[in-house]
Amino acid sequence: EVVVSWRPSAEFAGNLYKGEGILPASPQKVWECIKPVAGGLRTKWDQNVKDFEVIEAINDTVSVCRTTTPSACMRIISPREFVDVVVMKQYEDGTMLSAATNVEHPLCPPQPNFVRGFNYPCGCFCIPVPGEPDRTELLTFFQTDLGGYLPQTVVDSFFPSSISGFYSNLTKAVKALKA
């Protein structure tokens, strides 16, 4: 179960999308599946992440990363690449956060065969459900400019279903971790 809502972004001429759902796993298992690290699990289960690499590790919690995506919407949306500064944080209540925004980096110029997209401030919060150690509230925020010349109607129809798919595929991934 996921609820997806959106409103116009204050950052760019698109929308800020919010996903909210409860996942049947501990926050640690959910985090294991979504944490933005090289060699992580995200490329295995997230249909919108083809590759993820760390361009520069600034410290243990901050890095510059490049994410590539496959084509989508019956190839109407061609492969994209995103370069972001990413921060990870864990709070005293057990909440784990990954937040990102676009950045330019000299070691990562635009690559051929990809359209450069831009993530505006976005993130995922893995929040413990009090009294239920095997359940996690996952709050996600996406505000992505896919770049290129896509009609806004294509983007607007892609994101809600993509976010629902993200939660569905993540649920399968965390269940597979339990096995």
C-alpha atoms as a PDB file:
ATOM      1  CA  GLU A   1       0.000   0.000   0.000  1.00  0.00           C
ATOM      2  CA  VAL A   2       1.362   3.368  -1.028  1.00  0.00           C
ATOM      3  CA  VAL A   3      -0.169   6.822  -1.211  1.00  0.00           C
ATOM      4  CA  VAL A   4       1.316   9.111  -3.853  1.00  0.00           C
ATOM      5  CA  SER A   5       0.573  12.828  -3.821  1.00  0.00           C
ATOM      6  CA  TRP A   6       2.085  15.823  -5.570  1.00  0.00           C
ATOM      7  CA  ARG A   7       2.064  19.563  -5.850  1.00  0.00           C
ATOM      8  CA  PRO A   8       3.935  22.076  -8.003  1.00  0.00           C
ATOM      9  CA  SER A   9       7.615  22.266  -7.093  1.00  0.00           C
ATOM     10  CA  ALA A  10       9.039  25.499  -5.740  1.00  0.00           C
ATOM     11  CA  GLU A  11      12.396  24.485  -7.280  1.00  0.00           C
ATOM     12  CA  PHE A  12      11.588  23.978 -10.983  1.00  0.00           C
ATOM     13  CA  ALA A  13       8.705  23.846 -13.476  1.00  0.00           C
ATOM     14  CA  GLY A  14       7.621  20.324 -12.476  1.00  0.00           C
ATOM     15  CA  ASN A  15       6.098  18.601  -9.470  1.00  0.00           C
ATOM     16  CA  LEU A  16       7.234  17.514  -6.029  1.00  0.00           C
ATOM     17  CA  TYR A  17       6.027  13.931  -5.511  1.00  0.00           C
ATOM     18  CA  LYS A  18       5.536  12.369  -2.096  1.00  0.00           C
ATOM     19  CA  GLY A  19       5.190   8.642  -1.490  1.00  0.00           C
ATOM     20  CA  GLU A  20       4.025   7.210   1.841  1.00  0.00           C
ATOM     21  CA  GLY A  21       3.766   3.556   2.757  1.00  0.00           C
ATOM     22  CA  ILE A  22       4.376   0.932   5.421  1.00  0.00           C
ATOM     23  CA  LEU A  23       6.773  -1.857   4.511  1.00  0.00           C
ATOM     24  CA  PRO A  24       6.731  -5.315   6.151  1.00  0.00           C
ATOM     25  CA  ALA A  25      10.354  -5.235   7.340  1.00  0.00           C
ATOM     26  CA  SER A  26      12.602  -3.599   9.905  1.00  0.00           C
ATOM     27  CA  PRO A  27      14.047  -0.178   9.111  1.00  0.00           C
ATOM     28  CA  GLN A  28      17.497  -1.807   8.852  1.00  0.00           C
ATOM     29  CA  LYS A  29      16.319  -4.185   6.098  1.00  0.00           C
ATOM     30  CA  VAL A  30      14.541  -1.418   4.206  1.00  0.00           C
ATOM     31  CA  TRP A  31      17.666   0.740   4.511  1.00  0.00           C
ATOM     32  CA  GLU A  32      19.829  -2.132   3.276  1.00  0.00           C
ATOM     33  CA  CYS A  33      17.770  -2.147   0.083  1.00  0.00           C
ATOM     34  CA  ILE A  34      17.678   1.602  -0.568  1.00  0.00           C
ATOM     35  CA  LYS A  35      20.917   3.044   0.828  1.00  0.00           C
ATOM     36  CA  PRO A  36      22.844   4.942  -1.842  1.00  0.00           C
ATOM     37  CA  VAL A  37      26.160   3.071  -1.911  1.00  0.00           C
ATOM     38  CA  ALA A  38      28.247   1.567  -4.700  1.00  0.00           C
ATOM     39  CA  GLY A  39      27.527  -2.148  -4.996  1.00  0.00           C
ATOM     40  CA  GLY A  40      24.274  -1.732  -3.055  1.00  0.00           C
ATOM     41  CA  LEU A  41      21.042  -3.619  -3.653  1.00  0.00           C
ATOM     42  CA  ARG A  42      19.153  -0.799  -5.380  1.00  0.00           C
ATOM     43  CA  THR A  43      20.318  -1.716  -8.892  1.00  0.00           C
ATOM     44  CA  LYS A  44      19.019  -5.255  -8.355  1.00  0.00           C
ATOM     45  CA  TRP A  45      15.393  -4.418  -7.515  1.00  0.00           C
ATOM     46  CA  ASP A  46      14.667  -0.817  -8.607  1.00  0.00           C
ATOM     47  CA  GLN A  47      13.580  -0.888 -12.244  1.00  0.00           C
ATOM     48  CA  ASN A  48      14.456   2.815 -12.553  1.00  0.00           C
ATOM     49  CA  VAL A  49      18.103   2.430 -11.477  1.00  0.00           C
ATOM     50  CA  LYS A  50      20.412   0.802 -13.999  1.00  0.00           C
ATOM     51  CA  ASP A  51      23.714   1.762 -12.380  1.00  0.00           C
ATOM     52  CA  PHE A  52      24.918   3.695  -9.338  1.00  0.00           C
ATOM     53  CA  GLU A  53      28.469   4.857  -8.745  1.00  0.00           C
ATOM     54  CA  VAL A  54      30.242   7.030  -6.220  1.00  0.00           C
ATOM     55  CA  ILE A  55      32.208   9.729  -8.042  1.00  0.00           C
ATOM     56  CA  GLU A  56      33.743  11.194  -4.882  1.00  0.00           C
ATOM     57  CA  ALA A  57      33.353  10.230  -1.229  1.00  0.00           C
ATOM     58  CA  ILE A  58      33.560  13.482   0.722  1.00  0.00           C
ATOM     59  CA  ASN A  59      33.309  11.682   4.082  1.00  0.00           C
ATOM     60  CA  ASP A  60      31.427   8.701   5.599  1.00  0.00           C
ATOM     61  CA  THR A  61      28.032  10.309   5.092  1.00  0.00           C
ATOM     62  CA  VAL A  62      28.412  12.661   2.101  1.00  0.00           C
ATOM     63  CA  SER A  63      29.281  11.686  -1.454  1.00  0.00           C
ATOM     64  CA  VAL A  64      28.858  12.745  -5.051  1.00  0.00           C
ATOM     65  CA  CYS A  65      27.122  10.007  -7.017  1.00  0.00           C
ATOM     66  CA  ARG A  66      26.062   9.242 -10.583  1.00  0.00           C
ATOM     67  CA  THR A  67      22.881   7.289 -11.201  1.00  0.00           C
ATOM     68  CA  THR A  68      21.812   6.037 -14.616  1.00  0.00           C
ATOM     69  CA  THR A  69      18.338   4.916 -15.577  1.00  0.00           C
ATOM     70  CA  PRO A  70      17.120   2.698 -18.398  1.00  0.00           C
ATOM     71  CA  SER A  71      14.635   3.892 -20.998  1.00  0.00           C
ATOM     72  CA  ALA A  72      11.039   3.980 -19.754  1.00  0.00           C
ATOM     73  CA  CYS A  73       7.436   4.401 -20.935  1.00  0.00           C
ATOM     74  CA  MET A  74       7.904   2.121 -23.945  1.00  0.00           C
ATOM     75  CA  ARG A  75      11.166   3.959 -24.723  1.00  0.00           C
ATOM     76  CA  ILE A  76       9.459   7.349 -24.910  1.00  0.00           C
ATOM     77  CA  ILE A  77      11.802   8.329 -22.083  1.00  0.00           C
ATOM     78  CA  SER A  78      15.387   7.596 -23.132  1.00  0.00           C
ATOM     79  CA  PRO A  79      18.130   6.611 -20.645  1.00  0.00           C
ATOM     80  CA  ARG A  80      18.999   9.338 -18.141  1.00  0.00           C
ATOM     81  CA  GLU A  81      21.922  10.145 -15.886  1.00  0.00           C
ATOM     82  CA  PHE A  82      21.847  12.146 -12.676  1.00  0.00           C
ATOM     83  CA  VAL A  83      24.781  13.535 -10.679  1.00  0.00           C
ATOM     84  CA  ASP A  84      23.905  14.353  -7.088  1.00  0.00           C
ATOM     85  CA  VAL A  85      25.457  15.216  -3.774  1.00  0.00           C
ATOM     86  CA  VAL A  86      24.006  12.653  -1.348  1.00  0.00           C
ATOM     87  CA  VAL A  87      23.898  12.737   2.430  1.00  0.00           C
ATOM     88  CA  MET A  88      22.992   9.829   4.713  1.00  0.00           C
ATOM     89  CA  LYS A  89      22.047  10.241   8.354  1.00  0.00           C
ATOM     90  CA  GLN A  90      20.710   8.129  11.193  1.00  0.00           C
ATOM     91  CA  TYR A  91      18.718   9.733  13.988  1.00  0.00           C
ATOM     92  CA  GLU A  92      18.469   8.696  17.640  1.00  0.00           C
ATOM     93  CA  ASP A  93      14.933   7.331  17.136  1.00  0.00           C
ATOM     94  CA  GLY A  94      16.271   4.905  14.486  1.00  0.00           C
ATOM     95  CA  THR A  95      15.083   6.907  11.471  1.00  0.00           C
ATOM     96  CA  MET A  96      17.474   6.646   8.535  1.00  0.00           C
ATOM     97  CA  LEU A  97      17.616   9.322   5.859  1.00  0.00           C
ATOM     98  CA  SER A  98      19.093   9.637   2.408  1.00  0.00           C
ATOM     99  CA  ALA A  99      18.789  13.092   0.835  1.00  0.00           C
ATOM    100  CA  ALA A 100      20.162  14.370  -2.464  1.00  0.00           C
ATOM    101  CA  THR A 101      20.220  17.252  -4.904  1.00  0.00           C
ATOM    102  CA  ASN A 102      21.879  17.807  -8.262  1.00  0.00           C
ATOM    103  CA  VAL A 103      25.441  19.007  -8.532  1.00  0.00           C
ATOM    104  CA  GLU A 104      28.035  19.471 -11.252  1.00  0.00           C
ATOM    105  CA  HIS A 105      31.310  17.614 -10.799  1.00  0.00           C
ATOM    106  CA  PRO A 106      34.457  17.829 -12.947  1.00  0.00           C
ATOM    107  CA  LEU A 107      34.930  14.045 -12.835  1.00  0.00           C
ATOM    108  CA  CYS A 108      31.461  13.471 -14.277  1.00  0.00           C
ATOM    109  CA  PRO A 109      30.738  15.456 -17.445  1.00  0.00           C
ATOM    110  CA  PRO A 110      27.587  14.541 -19.419  1.00  0.00           C
ATOM    111  CA  GLN A 111      27.987  11.125 -21.022  1.00  0.00           C
ATOM    112  CA  PRO A 112      27.004  10.187 -24.588  1.00  0.00           C
ATOM    113  CA  ASN A 113      23.812   8.112 -24.965  1.00  0.00           C
ATOM    114  CA  PHE A 114      22.292   9.642 -21.804  1.00  0.00           C
ATOM    115  CA  VAL A 115      20.150  12.710 -21.251  1.00  0.00           C
ATOM    116  CA  ARG A 116      21.311  14.630 -18.168  1.00  0.00           C
ATOM    117  CA  GLY A 117      18.465  14.963 -15.700  1.00  0.00           C
ATOM    118  CA  PHE A 118      18.394  16.940 -12.480  1.00  0.00           C
ATOM    119  CA  ASN A 119      17.179  15.894  -9.051  1.00  0.00           C
ATOM    120  CA  TYR A 120      16.088  18.824  -6.946  1.00  0.00           C
ATOM    121  CA  PRO A 121      16.067  18.305  -3.154  1.00  0.00           C
ATOM    122  CA  CYS A 122      14.690  14.803  -2.639  1.00  0.00           C
ATOM    123  CA  GLY A 123      15.055  11.935  -0.227  1.00  0.00           C
ATOM    124  CA  CYS A 124      13.899   8.790   1.537  1.00  0.00           C
ATOM    125  CA  PHE A 125      13.101   8.464   5.234  1.00  0.00           C
ATOM    126  CA  CYS A 126      12.988   4.984   6.828  1.00  0.00           C
ATOM    127  CA  ILE A 127      10.996   5.567  10.008  1.00  0.00           C
ATOM    128  CA  PRO A 128      10.529   2.895  12.700  1.00  0.00           C
ATOM    129  CA  VAL A 129       6.903   2.080  13.529  1.00  0.00           C
ATOM    130  CA  PRO A 130       6.628   2.273  17.352  1.00  0.00           C
ATOM    131  CA  GLY A 131       6.010  -1.158  18.886  1.00  0.00           C
ATOM    132  CA  GLU A 132       6.334  -2.928  15.519  1.00  0.00           C
ATOM    133  CA  PRO A 133      10.002  -3.760  14.886  1.00  0.00           C
ATOM    134  CA  ASP A 134       9.228  -5.572  11.613  1.00  0.00           C
ATOM    135  CA  ARG A 135       7.430  -2.636  10.008  1.00  0.00           C
ATOM    136  CA  THR A 136       8.848   0.572   8.544  1.00  0.00           C
ATOM    137  CA  GLU A 137       7.162   3.745   7.434  1.00  0.00           C
ATOM    138  CA  LEU A 138       8.854   4.872   4.235  1.00  0.00           C
ATOM    139  CA  LEU A 139       8.445   8.484   3.201  1.00  0.00           C
ATOM    140  CA  THR A 140       9.881   9.419  -0.191  1.00  0.00           C
ATOM    141  CA  PHE A 141      10.162  12.770  -1.918  1.00  0.00           C
ATOM    142  CA  PHE A 142      11.063  13.120  -5.587  1.00  0.00           C
ATOM    143  CA  GLN A 143      11.319  16.287  -7.646  1.00  0.00           C
ATOM    144  CA  THR A 144      13.111  15.362 -10.800  1.00  0.00           C
ATOM    145  CA  ASP A 145      13.595  17.292 -14.011  1.00  0.00           C
ATOM    146  CA  LEU A 146      14.082  14.484 -16.523  1.00  0.00           C
ATOM    147  CA  GLY A 147      15.740  16.882 -18.963  1.00  0.00           C
ATOM    148  CA  GLY A 148      15.423  16.603 -22.712  1.00  0.00           C
ATOM    149  CA  TYR A 149      12.282  17.541 -24.586  1.00  0.00           C
ATOM    150  CA  LEU A 150       9.620  15.447 -22.908  1.00  0.00           C
ATOM    151  CA  PRO A 151       6.084  16.800 -22.850  1.00  0.00           C
ATOM    152  CA  GLN A 152       5.034  17.506 -19.256  1.00  0.00           C
ATOM    153  CA  THR A 153       2.051  15.180 -19.733  1.00  0.00           C
ATOM    154  CA  VAL A 154       4.454  12.241 -20.258  1.00  0.00           C
ATOM    155  CA  VAL A 155       6.376  13.133 -17.098  1.00  0.00           C
ATOM    156  CA  ASP A 156       3.163  13.630 -15.097  1.00  0.00           C
ATOM    157  CA  SER A 157       1.841  10.220 -16.148  1.00  0.00           C
ATOM    158  CA  PHE A 158       5.173   8.467 -15.486  1.00  0.00           C
ATOM    159  CA  PHE A 159       5.979   9.535 -11.918  1.00  0.00           C
ATOM    160  CA  PRO A 160       2.932   8.348  -9.893  1.00  0.00           C
ATOM    161  CA  SER A 161       3.043   4.848 -11.406  1.00  0.00           C
ATOM    162  CA  SER A 162       6.836   4.779 -11.105  1.00  0.00           C
ATOM    163  CA  ILE A 163       6.634   5.603  -7.376  1.00  0.00           C
ATOM    164  CA  SER A 164       3.980   2.903  -6.844  1.00  0.00           C
ATOM    165  CA  GLY A 165       6.281   0.456  -8.633  1.00  0.00           C
ATOM    166  CA  PHE A 166       9.180   1.571  -6.428  1.00  0.00           C
ATOM    167  CA  TYR A 167       7.224   0.624  -3.271  1.00  0.00           C
ATOM    168  CA  SER A 168       5.993  -2.657  -4.764  1.00  0.00           C
ATOM    169  CA  ASN A 169       9.452  -3.738  -5.908  1.00  0.00           C
ATOM    170  CA  LEU A 170      11.034  -2.619  -2.622  1.00  0.00           C
ATOM    171  CA  THR A 171       8.477  -4.686  -0.701  1.00  0.00           C
ATOM    172  CA  LYS A 172       9.485  -7.763  -2.739  1.00  0.00           C
ATOM    173  CA  ALA A 173      13.172  -6.990  -2.159  1.00  0.00           C
ATOM    174  CA  VAL A 174      12.846  -6.713   1.635  1.00  0.00           C
ATOM    175  CA  LYS A 175      10.803  -9.940   1.741  1.00  0.00           C
ATOM    176  CA  ALA A 176      13.574 -11.664  -0.233  1.00  0.00           C
ATOM    177  CA  LEU A 177      16.118 -10.386   2.341  1.00  0.00           C
ATOM    178  CA  LYS A 178      14.160 -12.103   5.125  1.00  0.00           C
ATOM    179  CA  ALA A 179      14.440 -15.494   3.435  1.00  0.00           C
END
